[in-house]
Amino acid sequence: MDTIDPDPRYTAGDVPGRCIKCLAEREMNSRLLELLRGEGDESQLAQRFEVLVSFLKSPESRRLRDESERYIAEGKQVTVRVSLEDGKPRYELKVNQ
């Protein structure tokens, strides 16, 4: 499975921001619609959907959301990497200066 890399950001001017939770929910809904339409590789889409559901339900997502918002407030760019390794979801926060 490829990684899912939500790119959270704050609202600036006319450009709306998105938190990790909103981005993950948007990605999850997109995968669900693709599954319902029968588009793409069904097993790959189902796996991505399940990993996103797992991420959203995990206590780790709240911690990552809080951390990312703190870094964004400091003017840093952050990416959260959501992936599946050895059959288990893995979540990682990357901070770019």
N, C-alpha and C. Protein backbone atom coordinates (compact mmCIF):
# COMPACT_ATOMS: atom_id res chain seq x y z
N MET A 1 0.84 -1.18 0.00
CA MET A 1 0.00 0.00 0.00
C MET A 1 0.87 1.24 0.00
N ASP A 2 0.54 2.20 -0.84
CA ASP A 2 1.24 3.48 -0.83
C ASP A 2 0.90 4.21 0.46
N THR A 3 1.75 5.17 0.80
CA THR A 3 1.46 5.96 1.99
C THR A 3 0.41 7.02 1.65
N ILE A 4 -0.26 7.49 2.68
CA ILE A 4 -1.21 8.58 2.57
C ILE A 4 -0.59 9.73 3.34
N ASP A 5 -0.39 10.86 2.67
CA ASP A 5 0.34 11.97 3.28
C ASP A 5 -0.52 13.23 3.34
N PRO A 6 -1.40 13.32 4.34
CA PRO A 6 -2.16 14.57 4.48
C PRO A 6 -1.21 15.74 4.74
N ASP A 7 -1.48 16.88 4.14
CA ASP A 7 -0.65 18.07 4.27
C ASP A 7 -1.46 19.16 4.97
N PRO A 8 -1.49 19.14 6.31
CA PRO A 8 -2.31 20.12 7.04
C PRO A 8 -1.76 21.54 6.92
N ARG A 9 -2.66 22.52 7.01
CA ARG A 9 -2.24 23.92 6.97
C ARG A 9 -3.34 24.79 7.58
N TYR A 10 -2.93 25.97 8.00
CA TYR A 10 -3.89 26.93 8.54
C TYR A 10 -4.54 27.72 7.43
N THR A 11 -5.67 28.32 7.73
CA THR A 11 -6.33 29.21 6.80
C THR A 11 -5.51 30.49 6.69
N ALA A 12 -5.30 30.92 5.44
CA ALA A 12 -4.53 32.15 5.20
C ALA A 12 -5.23 32.93 4.10
N GLY A 13 -5.74 34.09 4.44
CA GLY A 13 -6.43 34.90 3.45
C GLY A 13 -7.66 34.20 2.92
N ASP A 14 -7.71 34.05 1.61
CA ASP A 14 -8.85 33.39 0.98
C ASP A 14 -8.66 31.89 0.80
N VAL A 15 -7.52 31.36 1.25
CA VAL A 15 -7.23 29.94 1.09
C VAL A 15 -7.58 29.21 2.39
N PRO A 16 -8.60 28.33 2.32
CA PRO A 16 -8.99 27.63 3.55
C PRO A 16 -7.96 26.58 3.95
N GLY A 17 -7.73 26.47 5.25
CA GLY A 17 -6.82 25.46 5.77
C GLY A 17 -7.54 24.16 6.05
N ARG A 18 -6.78 23.15 6.36
CA ARG A 18 -7.34 21.85 6.69
C ARG A 18 -6.51 21.21 7.78
N CYS A 19 -7.18 20.63 8.76
CA CYS A 19 -6.46 19.90 9.80
C CYS A 19 -6.31 18.45 9.34
N ILE A 20 -5.49 17.71 10.04
CA ILE A 20 -5.24 16.31 9.69
C ILE A 20 -6.53 15.51 9.66
N LYS A 21 -7.38 15.74 10.64
CA LYS A 21 -8.64 14.98 10.70
C LYS A 21 -9.50 15.25 9.47
N CYS A 22 -9.63 16.51 9.09
CA CYS A 22 -10.44 16.87 7.92
C CYS A 22 -9.87 16.25 6.65
N LEU A 23 -8.55 16.29 6.50
CA LEU A 23 -7.91 15.72 5.31
C LEU A 23 -8.07 14.20 5.26
N ALA A 24 -7.92 13.55 6.41
CA ALA A 24 -8.09 12.10 6.46
C ALA A 24 -9.53 11.71 6.17
N GLU A 25 -10.48 12.46 6.70
CA GLU A 25 -11.90 12.19 6.42
C GLU A 25 -12.21 12.38 4.94
N ARG A 26 -11.66 13.42 4.35
CA ARG A 26 -11.88 13.68 2.92
C ARG A 26 -11.32 12.53 2.07
N GLU A 27 -10.10 12.10 2.39
CA GLU A 27 -9.48 10.98 1.68
C GLU A 27 -10.28 9.70 1.87
N MET A 28 -10.74 9.45 3.10
CA MET A 28 -11.53 8.26 3.40
C MET A 28 -12.83 8.27 2.58
N ASN A 29 -13.51 9.40 2.54
CA ASN A 29 -14.75 9.50 1.77
C ASN A 29 -14.51 9.31 0.27
N SER A 30 -13.39 9.81 -0.22
CA SER A 30 -13.05 9.61 -1.64
C SER A 30 -12.84 8.13 -1.95
N ARG A 31 -12.13 7.44 -1.07
CA ARG A 31 -11.89 6.00 -1.28
C ARG A 31 -13.20 5.22 -1.22
N LEU A 32 -14.09 5.61 -0.30
CA LEU A 32 -15.39 4.94 -0.18
C LEU A 32 -16.20 5.13 -1.46
N LEU A 33 -16.23 6.35 -1.99
CA LEU A 33 -16.96 6.60 -3.24
C LEU A 33 -16.39 5.78 -4.39
N GLU A 34 -15.06 5.68 -4.47
CA GLU A 34 -14.44 4.88 -5.51
C GLU A 34 -14.81 3.41 -5.36
N LEU A 35 -14.84 2.94 -4.11
CA LEU A 35 -15.25 1.55 -3.86
C LEU A 35 -16.69 1.31 -4.30
N LEU A 36 -17.58 2.22 -3.96
CA LEU A 36 -18.99 2.08 -4.31
C LEU A 36 -19.22 2.14 -5.82
N ARG A 37 -18.40 2.93 -6.50
CA ARG A 37 -18.52 3.04 -7.97
C ARG A 37 -17.83 1.89 -8.70
N GLY A 38 -17.03 1.12 -7.97
CA GLY A 38 -16.30 0.02 -8.60
C GLY A 38 -15.10 0.49 -9.39
N GLU A 39 -14.53 1.63 -9.00
CA GLU A 39 -13.38 2.19 -9.71
C GLU A 39 -12.08 1.65 -9.12
N GLY A 40 -11.09 1.43 -9.95
CA GLY A 40 -9.76 1.08 -9.48
C GLY A 40 -9.66 -0.32 -8.88
N ASP A 41 -8.54 -0.58 -8.25
CA ASP A 41 -8.25 -1.85 -7.61
C ASP A 41 -9.00 -1.92 -6.28
N GLU A 42 -10.01 -2.76 -6.23
CA GLU A 42 -10.89 -2.81 -5.05
C GLU A 42 -10.13 -3.15 -3.77
N SER A 43 -9.22 -4.11 -3.83
CA SER A 43 -8.50 -4.49 -2.61
C SER A 43 -7.61 -3.36 -2.11
N GLN A 44 -6.97 -2.65 -3.04
CA GLN A 44 -6.11 -1.51 -2.67
C GLN A 44 -6.95 -0.38 -2.06
N LEU A 45 -8.09 -0.08 -2.69
CA LEU A 45 -8.97 0.97 -2.18
C LEU A 45 -9.51 0.60 -0.80
N ALA A 46 -9.91 -0.65 -0.63
CA ALA A 46 -10.44 -1.10 0.67
C ALA A 46 -9.37 -1.01 1.74
N GLN A 47 -8.14 -1.35 1.39
CA GLN A 47 -7.05 -1.28 2.36
C GLN A 47 -6.78 0.17 2.78
N ARG A 48 -6.75 1.08 1.81
CA ARG A 48 -6.55 2.50 2.13
C ARG A 48 -7.70 3.02 3.00
N PHE A 49 -8.92 2.64 2.66
CA PHE A 49 -10.08 3.05 3.44
C PHE A 49 -9.96 2.56 4.87
N GLU A 50 -9.63 1.30 5.06
CA GLU A 50 -9.51 0.72 6.41
C GLU A 50 -8.40 1.37 7.23
N VAL A 51 -7.29 1.69 6.58
CA VAL A 51 -6.18 2.35 7.29
C VAL A 51 -6.61 3.74 7.75
N LEU A 52 -7.34 4.45 6.91
CA LEU A 52 -7.82 5.78 7.29
C LEU A 52 -8.83 5.71 8.42
N VAL A 53 -9.72 4.74 8.38
CA VAL A 53 -10.68 4.56 9.48
C VAL A 53 -9.93 4.27 10.76
N SER A 54 -8.95 3.39 10.69
CA SER A 54 -8.13 3.05 11.86
C SER A 54 -7.43 4.29 12.41
N PHE A 55 -6.87 5.10 11.51
CA PHE A 55 -6.19 6.33 11.92
C PHE A 55 -7.16 7.27 12.64
N LEU A 56 -8.31 7.49 12.06
CA LEU A 56 -9.28 8.42 12.64
C LEU A 56 -9.80 7.96 13.99
N LYS A 57 -9.86 6.66 14.20
CA LYS A 57 -10.35 6.12 15.48
C LYS A 57 -9.25 6.04 16.54
N SER A 58 -8.00 6.13 16.12
CA SER A 58 -6.89 5.92 17.06
C SER A 58 -6.65 7.15 17.93
N PRO A 59 -6.22 6.94 19.17
CA PRO A 59 -5.85 8.07 20.03
C PRO A 59 -4.63 8.79 19.48
N GLU A 60 -3.85 8.11 18.68
CA GLU A 60 -2.65 8.69 18.07
C GLU A 60 -3.01 9.86 17.14
N SER A 61 -4.16 9.79 16.48
CA SER A 61 -4.54 10.85 15.55
C SER A 61 -4.74 12.18 16.28
N ARG A 62 -5.29 12.13 17.46
CA ARG A 62 -5.48 13.37 18.23
C ARG A 62 -4.14 13.99 18.62
N ARG A 63 -3.20 13.14 19.04
CA ARG A 63 -1.87 13.63 19.41
C ARG A 63 -1.17 14.24 18.20
N LEU A 64 -1.25 13.57 17.06
CA LEU A 64 -0.62 14.08 15.84
C LEU A 64 -1.27 15.38 15.38
N ARG A 65 -2.58 15.47 15.53
CA ARG A 65 -3.27 16.71 15.15
C ARG A 65 -2.81 17.87 16.03
N ASP A 66 -2.73 17.65 17.34
CA ASP A 66 -2.28 18.70 18.25
C ASP A 66 -0.84 19.12 17.95
N GLU A 67 0.02 18.12 17.72
CA GLU A 67 1.43 18.41 17.42
C GLU A 67 1.57 19.17 16.11
N SER A 68 0.86 18.73 15.08
CA SER A 68 0.98 19.39 13.78
C SER A 68 0.49 20.83 13.85
N GLU A 69 -0.58 21.07 14.58
CA GLU A 69 -1.10 22.44 14.70
C GLU A 69 -0.11 23.34 15.45
N ARG A 70 0.58 22.78 16.41
CA ARG A 70 1.60 23.56 17.13
C ARG A 70 2.74 23.94 16.18
N TYR A 71 3.21 22.99 15.39
CA TYR A 71 4.29 23.28 14.43
C TYR A 71 3.84 24.27 13.37
N ILE A 72 2.62 24.13 12.88
CA ILE A 72 2.10 25.05 11.88
C ILE A 72 2.03 26.46 12.44
N ALA A 73 1.62 26.59 13.70
CA ALA A 73 1.57 27.90 14.36
C ALA A 73 2.95 28.53 14.46
N GLU A 74 3.99 27.70 14.49
CA GLU A 74 5.37 28.19 14.53
C GLU A 74 5.90 28.49 13.13
N GLY A 75 5.07 28.32 12.11
CA GLY A 75 5.46 28.62 10.75
C GLY A 75 6.14 27.48 10.01
N LYS A 76 6.07 26.29 10.55
CA LYS A 76 6.71 25.14 9.92
C LYS A 76 5.69 24.38 9.08
N GLN A 77 6.18 23.67 8.07
CA GLN A 77 5.32 22.82 7.26
C GLN A 77 5.39 21.41 7.81
N VAL A 78 4.24 20.76 7.88
CA VAL A 78 4.20 19.40 8.40
C VAL A 78 3.43 18.49 7.45
N THR A 79 3.78 17.23 7.50
CA THR A 79 3.08 16.18 6.77
C THR A 79 2.92 15.01 7.71
N VAL A 80 1.78 14.40 7.67
CA VAL A 80 1.55 13.19 8.44
C VAL A 80 1.53 12.04 7.45
N ARG A 81 2.31 11.03 7.73
CA ARG A 81 2.37 9.86 6.85
C ARG A 81 1.58 8.73 7.50
N VAL A 82 0.59 8.25 6.79
CA VAL A 82 -0.24 7.14 7.24
C VAL A 82 0.05 5.97 6.31
N SER A 83 0.48 4.85 6.87
CA SER A 83 0.83 3.71 6.03
C SER A 83 0.50 2.40 6.75
N LEU A 84 0.70 1.32 6.04
CA LEU A 84 0.47 0.00 6.59
C LEU A 84 1.78 -0.77 6.48
N GLU A 85 2.32 -1.20 7.61
CA GLU A 85 3.57 -1.95 7.62
C GLU A 85 3.37 -3.24 8.40
N ASP A 86 3.68 -4.34 7.76
CA ASP A 86 3.52 -5.66 8.37
C ASP A 86 2.09 -5.88 8.86
N GLY A 87 1.13 -5.36 8.11
CA GLY A 87 -0.27 -5.55 8.45
C GLY A 87 -0.80 -4.64 9.54
N LYS A 88 0.05 -3.71 10.02
CA LYS A 88 -0.37 -2.80 11.09
C LYS A 88 -0.26 -1.36 10.61
N PRO A 89 -1.25 -0.52 10.99
CA PRO A 89 -1.18 0.89 10.62
C PRO A 89 0.00 1.58 11.30
N ARG A 90 0.62 2.49 10.58
CA ARG A 90 1.74 3.26 11.14
C ARG A 90 1.49 4.73 10.82
N TYR A 91 1.73 5.59 11.82
CA TYR A 91 1.50 7.01 11.66
C TYR A 91 2.78 7.75 12.02
N GLU A 92 3.16 8.72 11.19
CA GLU A 92 4.41 9.43 11.40
C GLU A 92 4.22 10.90 11.06
N LEU A 93 4.76 11.78 11.90
CA LEU A 93 4.70 13.21 11.67
C LEU A 93 6.05 13.67 11.17
N LYS A 94 6.06 14.37 10.03
CA LYS A 94 7.30 14.91 9.47
C LYS A 94 7.20 16.43 9.52
N VAL A 95 8.24 17.06 10.04
CA VAL A 95 8.29 18.51 10.16
C VAL A 95 9.37 19.03 9.22
N ASN A 96 8.98 19.95 8.32
CA ASN A 96 9.92 20.59 7.40
C ASN A 96 10.11 22.02 7.85
N GLN A 97 11.32 22.42 7.97
CA GLN A 97 11.64 23.78 8.44
C GLN A 97 11.30 24.80 7.42
